[in-house]
Amino acid sequence: MIRRGSRWIARLLLLSLMLFSAASFWWAAERIRQDPLLRPLIERSSDEFAAALERELAKSETGPGLEARLAVLLAEDPRNWIAIDAVTELAGLQNIALSPELNLGLETAREEDSGYLATAGACVMCFWDASSCSLSQALLCNAPVQMTPIGDLAGLSKAGISYVSGAEIDQLDLALSAIGLGATAAALSTGGTSLSVKAGAGLLKMARKMALIPPRLLNFLTDTARRGLRWDELARIDSLTDPARLLRPEVIRPAADLASDLGRISGRLAPSETLHLLRYIDGPGDARRLANASETLGRKALGTLEVIGKSRFMRAALRFGDEALALAAGLAGLLVSLASAIGAGLQSVLARSLRQALRAISR
């Protein structure tokens, strides 16, 4: 009798667990389905992101790992000195001493790449014509990035002339010029809050001339520019003084936000370092995470990205939301309770079969 009572209590507890797990699973799934703002993965705060990056870095920051990464960077042609200096600086921050052989290799490579005779002519061309300037030349020459409103005015004027004459219009340059000039005007009236947008738009124009924008990001920007421009306003004279009239705010906003994030990065890093980071940006999400990391970690974000790679870097910015954890817990509880119920049923069947067999033998 006691055994039978305890068995019923166990079954009742198992049934309660199953019902609770099913209800938890249904509640979490329904919330995620009904609310488009709820996502299984959500962005970490800046401090949480920085802490997650530190944990990822701790898995990869051994001396041999850093030296191996530097050896790969030194073997590239042309060498990317932003990445090399970032990893070398990271080694210093982590108190990792590089081998004498690697230090000698670094000095030799720097002399080869930054010698006056090797770069003088390239630096002159890079200064005057960004389209002839590779990122490596920009980094070695420290060429200034021209991001003034004059360039934006020229972009709008050129597009207006092309529109009136029927010539082909550079839609992306027009959109970035309008964003940059509009941000400049907004900064004058708001005390500078839009300067990051202006800086980012200028960097994108420079990066495009230097063919540094990754294909996926270029497709995103080009499509946004195509859909976000008001072509009927282009021929109006006041479009130069009121560039915001050229833009459809609801369409162009993702590109403006991306430009703002690039401006935030350039606020903590040099323009050439920001151009280097463009290779890791495929869309607004990547730009936002890199901006958050740059504002929190500064130049250390560069070395961290080079050492742990983009995929681990970007994953560190995300965590499971409460609804996702509830969904996982409910599913796990449901599976455990179902497995327990099946196990209990099999045990009962086996016990009954054994009793019947023993009775048959005893007869």
Protein backbone atom coordinates (compact mmCIF):
# COMPACT_ATOMS: atom_id res chain seq x y z
CA MET A 1 0.00 0.00 0.00
CA ILE A 2 2.83 2.38 0.90
CA ARG A 3 4.66 1.58 -2.33
CA ARG A 4 1.51 2.16 -4.33
CA GLY A 5 0.92 5.53 -2.61
CA SER A 6 4.49 6.71 -3.22
CA ARG A 7 4.17 5.63 -6.82
CA TRP A 8 1.07 7.76 -7.27
CA ILE A 9 2.83 10.74 -5.65
CA ALA A 10 5.78 10.36 -8.04
CA ARG A 11 3.43 10.20 -11.01
CA LEU A 12 1.60 13.31 -9.80
CA LEU A 13 4.87 15.21 -9.42
CA LEU A 14 5.96 14.07 -12.88
CA LEU A 15 2.65 15.19 -14.38
CA SER A 16 2.97 18.57 -12.63
CA LEU A 17 6.48 19.04 -14.03
CA MET A 18 5.27 18.16 -17.50
CA LEU A 19 2.37 20.62 -17.34
CA PHE A 20 4.57 23.39 -15.93
CA SER A 21 7.23 22.83 -18.60
CA ALA A 22 4.65 22.81 -21.37
CA ALA A 23 3.09 26.02 -20.05
CA SER A 24 6.50 27.74 -19.78
CA PHE A 25 7.44 26.64 -23.28
CA TRP A 26 4.14 27.85 -24.74
CA TRP A 27 4.34 31.21 -22.89
CA ALA A 28 7.86 32.00 -24.12
CA ALA A 29 7.13 30.88 -27.70
CA GLU A 30 3.91 32.93 -27.80
CA ARG A 31 5.66 36.08 -26.53
CA ILE A 32 8.39 35.79 -29.14
CA ARG A 33 5.77 35.18 -31.85
CA GLN A 34 3.49 38.09 -30.91
CA ASP A 35 6.10 40.76 -30.12
CA PRO A 36 8.40 41.57 -33.10
CA LEU A 37 10.76 43.40 -30.74
CA LEU A 38 11.51 40.23 -28.80
CA ARG A 39 14.38 38.20 -30.19
CA PRO A 40 16.04 35.06 -28.85
CA LEU A 41 19.38 36.88 -29.10
CA ILE A 42 19.67 40.47 -27.86
CA GLU A 43 22.48 43.02 -27.78
CA ARG A 44 24.65 43.18 -24.69
CA SER A 45 25.28 46.53 -23.05
CA SER A 46 28.63 48.19 -23.79
CA ASP A 47 30.12 47.03 -20.47
CA GLU A 48 28.80 43.48 -20.94
CA PHE A 49 30.17 43.45 -24.49
CA ALA A 50 33.61 44.58 -23.30
CA ALA A 51 33.63 41.90 -20.59
CA ALA A 52 32.62 39.22 -23.11
CA LEU A 53 35.43 40.32 -25.45
CA GLU A 54 37.91 40.09 -22.59
CA ARG A 55 36.78 36.52 -21.94
CA GLU A 56 37.14 35.64 -25.63
CA LEU A 57 40.55 37.26 -25.73
CA ALA A 58 41.69 35.28 -22.70
CA LYS A 59 41.20 32.11 -24.75
CA SER A 60 43.52 33.32 -27.52
CA GLU A 61 46.03 35.75 -26.06
CA THR A 62 48.87 33.33 -25.36
CA GLY A 63 52.28 34.41 -26.59
CA PRO A 64 52.54 31.79 -29.34
CA GLY A 65 49.07 32.70 -30.61
CA LEU A 66 49.92 36.39 -30.91
CA GLU A 67 53.26 35.66 -32.53
CA ALA A 68 51.60 33.33 -35.04
CA ARG A 69 49.10 36.08 -35.95
CA LEU A 70 51.90 38.62 -36.37
CA ALA A 71 53.84 36.20 -38.57
CA VAL A 72 50.81 35.86 -40.86
CA LEU A 73 50.36 39.65 -41.04
CA LEU A 74 54.05 40.20 -41.82
CA ALA A 75 53.86 37.69 -44.68
CA GLU A 76 51.02 39.57 -46.40
CA ASP A 77 51.71 41.71 -49.46
CA PRO A 78 51.07 44.56 -49.02
CA ARG A 79 51.40 44.53 -45.24
CA ASN A 80 48.61 46.07 -43.18
CA TRP A 81 50.38 48.10 -40.52
CA ILE A 82 47.19 49.03 -38.72
CA ALA A 83 46.62 45.33 -37.96
CA ILE A 84 50.31 44.69 -37.19
CA ASP A 85 50.57 47.64 -34.79
CA ALA A 86 47.26 46.74 -33.14
CA VAL A 87 48.37 43.17 -32.37
CA THR A 88 51.81 44.37 -31.23
CA GLU A 89 50.16 46.92 -28.93
CA LEU A 90 47.82 44.25 -27.59
CA ALA A 91 50.82 42.06 -26.74
CA GLY A 92 52.25 44.95 -24.73
CA LEU A 93 48.97 45.51 -22.89
CA GLN A 94 48.88 41.82 -21.96
CA ASN A 95 52.56 41.87 -20.86
CA ILE A 96 53.50 39.32 -23.52
CA ALA A 97 57.11 39.66 -24.65
CA LEU A 98 57.67 38.97 -28.34
CA SER A 99 60.65 36.87 -29.40
CA PRO A 100 63.82 38.69 -30.53
CA GLU A 101 63.46 37.13 -33.98
CA LEU A 102 59.94 38.52 -34.40
CA ASN A 103 60.97 41.97 -33.16
CA LEU A 104 63.80 42.00 -35.69
CA GLY A 105 61.37 40.96 -38.42
CA LEU A 106 59.03 43.80 -37.45
CA GLU A 107 61.80 46.39 -37.60
CA THR A 108 63.07 45.13 -40.95
CA ALA A 109 59.59 45.08 -42.50
CA ARG A 110 58.81 48.59 -41.25
CA GLU A 111 62.02 49.94 -42.74
CA GLU A 112 61.22 48.26 -46.06
CA ASP A 113 57.68 49.64 -46.21
CA SER A 114 58.16 53.13 -44.79
CA GLY A 115 61.46 54.16 -46.39
CA TYR A 116 61.36 57.64 -47.91
CA LEU A 117 62.38 56.58 -51.40
CA ALA A 118 59.86 53.73 -51.38
CA THR A 119 56.85 55.88 -50.52
CA ALA A 120 57.52 59.50 -51.48
CA GLY A 121 55.90 59.30 -54.91
CA ALA A 122 52.96 57.20 -53.68
CA CYS A 123 52.29 59.66 -50.84
CA VAL A 124 52.09 62.60 -53.23
CA MET A 125 49.56 60.77 -55.42
CA CYS A 126 47.61 59.59 -52.38
CA PHE A 127 47.34 63.14 -51.06
CA TRP A 128 45.94 64.56 -54.29
CA ASP A 129 43.83 61.66 -55.58
CA ALA A 130 42.14 59.25 -53.19
CA SER A 131 41.19 56.92 -56.04
CA SER A 132 44.89 56.18 -56.60
CA CYS A 133 45.53 55.62 -52.89
CA SER A 134 45.42 52.13 -51.42
CA LEU A 135 44.77 51.63 -47.72
CA SER A 136 48.37 50.56 -47.23
CA GLN A 137 49.59 53.83 -48.76
CA ALA A 138 47.17 55.83 -46.64
CA LEU A 139 48.42 54.14 -43.49
CA LEU A 140 52.10 54.61 -44.34
CA CYS A 141 51.74 58.18 -45.57
CA ASN A 142 49.23 59.16 -42.91
CA ALA A 143 47.42 60.95 -45.72
CA PRO A 144 44.69 63.30 -44.51
CA VAL A 145 41.13 62.24 -45.17
CA GLN A 146 39.27 65.08 -46.84
CA MET A 147 35.80 65.27 -45.26
CA THR A 148 34.70 68.89 -45.62
CA PRO A 149 31.29 70.32 -46.58
CA ILE A 150 32.89 71.58 -49.79
CA GLY A 151 33.08 68.01 -51.05
CA ASP A 152 29.40 67.47 -50.21
CA LEU A 153 28.38 70.65 -52.03
CA ALA A 154 30.38 69.51 -55.02
CA GLY A 155 28.64 66.12 -54.94
CA LEU A 156 25.16 67.71 -54.89
CA SER A 157 26.06 70.18 -57.66
CA LYS A 158 27.50 67.44 -59.86
CA ALA A 159 24.39 65.29 -59.39
CA GLY A 160 22.11 68.26 -60.21
CA ILE A 161 23.98 69.02 -63.41
CA SER A 162 23.89 65.37 -64.43
CA TYR A 163 20.14 65.21 -63.72
CA VAL A 164 19.37 68.27 -65.86
CA SER A 165 21.63 67.13 -68.72
CA GLY A 166 20.36 63.56 -68.64
CA ALA A 167 23.73 62.08 -67.73
CA GLU A 168 24.15 59.14 -65.35
CA ILE A 169 24.00 60.10 -61.66
CA ASP A 170 26.21 58.59 -58.98
CA GLN A 171 23.35 57.75 -56.61
CA LEU A 172 25.49 56.65 -53.69
CA ASP A 173 27.75 59.72 -53.82
CA LEU A 174 24.64 61.92 -54.00
CA ALA A 175 23.03 60.23 -51.01
CA LEU A 176 26.20 60.42 -48.90
CA SER A 177 26.69 64.08 -49.88
CA ALA A 178 23.12 64.90 -48.86
CA ILE A 179 23.52 63.01 -45.56
CA GLY A 180 26.83 64.71 -44.84
CA LEU A 181 25.68 68.21 -45.73
CA GLY A 182 22.41 67.75 -43.85
CA ALA A 183 24.32 66.54 -40.80
CA THR A 184 26.63 69.57 -41.01
CA ALA A 185 23.65 71.92 -41.02
CA ALA A 186 22.07 70.04 -38.14
CA ALA A 187 25.32 70.20 -36.17
CA LEU A 188 25.43 73.99 -36.55
CA SER A 189 21.94 74.29 -35.10
CA THR A 190 22.21 71.63 -32.39
CA GLY A 191 25.73 72.30 -31.17
CA GLY A 192 27.49 69.39 -32.87
CA THR A 193 25.35 66.35 -32.13
CA SER A 194 25.28 65.35 -35.82
CA LEU A 195 29.01 65.61 -36.44
CA SER A 196 29.44 61.85 -36.10
CA VAL A 197 27.03 61.36 -39.03
CA LYS A 198 29.00 63.86 -41.11
CA ALA A 199 32.32 62.19 -40.25
CA GLY A 200 30.97 58.74 -41.10
CA ALA A 201 29.46 59.88 -44.42
CA GLY A 202 32.79 61.45 -45.39
CA LEU A 203 34.65 58.27 -44.51
CA LEU A 204 32.27 56.23 -46.65
CA LYS A 205 32.85 58.55 -49.62
CA MET A 206 36.60 58.24 -49.17
CA ALA A 207 36.39 54.46 -48.74
CA ARG A 208 34.35 54.14 -51.91
CA LYS A 209 36.94 56.05 -53.93
CA MET A 210 39.60 53.75 -52.50
CA ALA A 211 37.48 50.61 -53.25
CA LEU A 212 37.51 49.62 -49.56
CA ILE A 213 33.79 49.02 -49.01
CA PRO A 214 32.96 45.27 -48.80
CA PRO A 215 30.51 44.00 -51.47
CA ARG A 216 27.61 43.31 -49.08
CA LEU A 217 27.91 46.74 -47.46
CA LEU A 218 28.21 48.41 -50.87
CA ASN A 219 25.03 46.65 -52.06
CA PHE A 220 23.19 47.78 -48.92
CA LEU A 221 24.30 51.40 -49.32
CA THR A 222 23.58 51.47 -53.05
CA ASP A 223 20.08 50.03 -52.61
CA THR A 224 19.33 52.43 -49.76
CA ALA A 225 20.51 55.39 -51.84
CA ARG A 226 18.41 54.30 -54.82
CA ARG A 227 15.21 54.03 -52.76
CA GLY A 228 15.89 56.90 -50.38
CA LEU A 229 16.33 59.81 -52.82
CA ARG A 230 13.60 62.21 -53.96
CA TRP A 231 14.50 62.67 -57.61
CA ASP A 232 11.89 65.36 -58.19
CA GLU A 233 13.71 67.64 -55.71
CA LEU A 234 17.13 67.25 -57.29
CA ALA A 235 16.75 69.98 -59.93
CA ARG A 236 15.58 72.59 -57.41
CA ILE A 237 18.11 75.25 -56.51
CA ASP A 238 17.25 75.19 -52.81
CA SER A 239 18.28 71.53 -52.61
CA LEU A 240 21.81 72.84 -52.03
CA THR A 241 20.73 74.86 -49.01
CA ASP A 242 18.20 72.30 -47.78
CA PRO A 243 19.71 68.88 -48.64
CA ALA A 244 17.30 67.08 -46.30
CA ARG A 245 14.56 67.61 -48.92
CA LEU A 246 16.41 65.16 -51.18
CA LEU A 247 16.08 62.28 -48.72
CA ARG A 248 13.26 60.00 -47.64
CA PRO A 249 14.01 59.81 -43.88
CA GLU A 250 12.33 56.47 -43.24
CA VAL A 251 14.35 54.81 -46.04
CA ILE A 252 17.69 56.55 -45.58
CA ARG A 253 17.80 56.24 -41.77
CA PRO A 254 19.68 52.88 -41.67
CA ALA A 255 22.45 54.35 -43.83
CA ALA A 256 22.56 57.50 -41.68
CA ASP A 257 22.76 55.35 -38.54
CA LEU A 258 25.62 53.38 -40.09
CA ALA A 259 27.42 56.64 -40.92
CA SER A 260 26.87 57.78 -37.35
CA ASP A 261 28.43 54.57 -36.01
CA LEU A 262 31.45 55.06 -38.28
CA GLY A 263 31.71 58.58 -36.93
CA ARG A 264 31.67 57.20 -33.39
CA ILE A 265 34.52 54.85 -34.31
CA SER A 266 36.55 57.68 -35.84
CA GLY A 267 35.98 59.64 -32.63
CA ARG A 268 38.09 57.06 -30.78
CA LEU A 269 40.37 55.84 -33.58
CA ALA A 270 42.25 57.51 -36.43
CA PRO A 271 40.45 57.84 -39.79
CA SER A 272 42.87 55.32 -41.32
CA GLU A 273 42.08 52.84 -38.53
CA THR A 274 38.36 53.33 -39.13
CA LEU A 275 38.90 52.66 -42.84
CA HIS A 276 40.72 49.47 -41.85
CA LEU A 277 37.70 48.33 -39.81
CA LEU A 278 35.40 48.77 -42.81
CA ARG A 279 36.52 45.37 -44.13
CA TYR A 280 34.69 43.77 -41.18
CA ILE A 281 31.40 45.65 -41.71
CA ASP A 282 28.68 44.02 -43.80
CA GLY A 283 25.74 46.04 -42.46
CA PRO A 284 24.42 48.37 -39.74
CA GLY A 285 24.64 45.69 -37.01
CA ASP A 286 28.36 45.16 -37.53
CA ALA A 287 28.99 48.93 -37.51
CA ARG A 288 27.03 49.40 -34.29
CA ARG A 289 28.92 46.63 -32.46
CA LEU A 290 32.31 47.88 -33.62
CA ALA A 291 31.37 51.41 -32.52
CA ASN A 292 30.31 50.16 -29.08
CA ALA A 293 33.55 48.20 -28.70
CA SER A 294 35.68 51.14 -29.89
CA GLU A 295 34.04 53.53 -27.45
CA THR A 296 34.58 51.10 -24.56
CA LEU A 297 37.97 49.57 -25.39
CA GLY A 298 39.56 52.20 -27.63
CA ARG A 299 42.48 50.93 -29.72
CA LYS A 300 42.38 47.61 -27.86
CA ALA A 301 39.29 46.76 -29.93
CA LEU A 302 41.48 46.66 -33.05
CA GLY A 303 43.91 44.11 -31.64
CA THR A 304 41.12 42.04 -30.12
CA LEU A 305 39.34 41.82 -33.47
CA GLU A 306 42.53 40.78 -35.26
CA VAL A 307 43.32 38.07 -32.71
CA ILE A 308 39.92 36.44 -32.11
CA GLY A 309 38.43 37.04 -35.58
CA LYS A 310 35.18 38.65 -36.69
CA SER A 311 32.78 35.79 -35.93
CA ARG A 312 33.81 35.46 -32.27
CA PHE A 313 34.00 39.25 -31.93
CA MET A 314 30.44 39.77 -33.19
CA ARG A 315 29.03 36.81 -31.21
CA ALA A 316 30.38 38.37 -28.02
CA ALA A 317 27.97 41.28 -28.55
CA LEU A 318 24.92 39.01 -28.20
CA ARG A 319 23.34 37.09 -25.37
CA PHE A 320 20.22 34.99 -24.95
CA GLY A 321 17.18 36.99 -23.88
CA ASP A 322 14.95 36.03 -20.93
CA GLU A 323 12.28 34.69 -23.27
CA ALA A 324 14.83 32.49 -25.07
CA LEU A 325 16.09 31.12 -21.72
CA ALA A 326 12.51 30.44 -20.64
CA LEU A 327 11.85 28.73 -23.98
CA ALA A 328 14.94 26.55 -23.59
CA ALA A 329 14.16 25.74 -19.95
CA GLY A 330 10.57 24.85 -20.80
CA LEU A 331 11.62 22.62 -23.67
CA ALA A 332 14.28 20.92 -21.54
CA GLY A 333 11.82 20.33 -18.72
CA LEU A 334 9.23 19.00 -21.14
CA LEU A 335 11.70 16.57 -22.69
CA VAL A 336 12.94 15.41 -19.27
CA SER A 337 9.41 14.85 -17.98
CA LEU A 338 8.43 12.98 -21.17
CA ALA A 339 11.54 10.82 -20.94
CA SER A 340 10.79 10.12 -17.27
CA ALA A 341 7.20 9.24 -18.07
CA ILE A 342 8.27 6.88 -20.84
CA GLY A 343 10.90 5.36 -18.56
CA ALA A 344 8.39 4.88 -15.76
CA GLY A 345 5.93 3.28 -18.18
CA LEU A 346 8.57 0.88 -19.50
CA GLN A 347 9.62 0.03 -15.96
CA SER A 348 6.00 -0.74 -15.03
CA VAL A 349 5.55 -2.94 -18.11
CA LEU A 350 8.78 -4.83 -17.40
CA ALA A 351 7.87 -5.31 -13.75
CA ARG A 352 4.43 -6.67 -14.70
CA SER A 353 5.97 -9.02 -17.28
CA LEU A 354 8.46 -10.33 -14.70
CA ARG A 355 5.72 -10.94 -12.16
CA GLN A 356 3.68 -12.86 -14.72
CA ALA A 357 6.71 -14.92 -15.70
CA LEU A 358 7.48 -15.77 -12.05
CA ARG A 359 3.87 -16.82 -11.46
CA ALA A 360 3.98 -19.03 -14.53
CA ILE A 361 7.19 -20.70 -13.28
CA SER A 362 5.82 -21.18 -9.77
CA ARG A 363 2.83 -23.06 -11.14
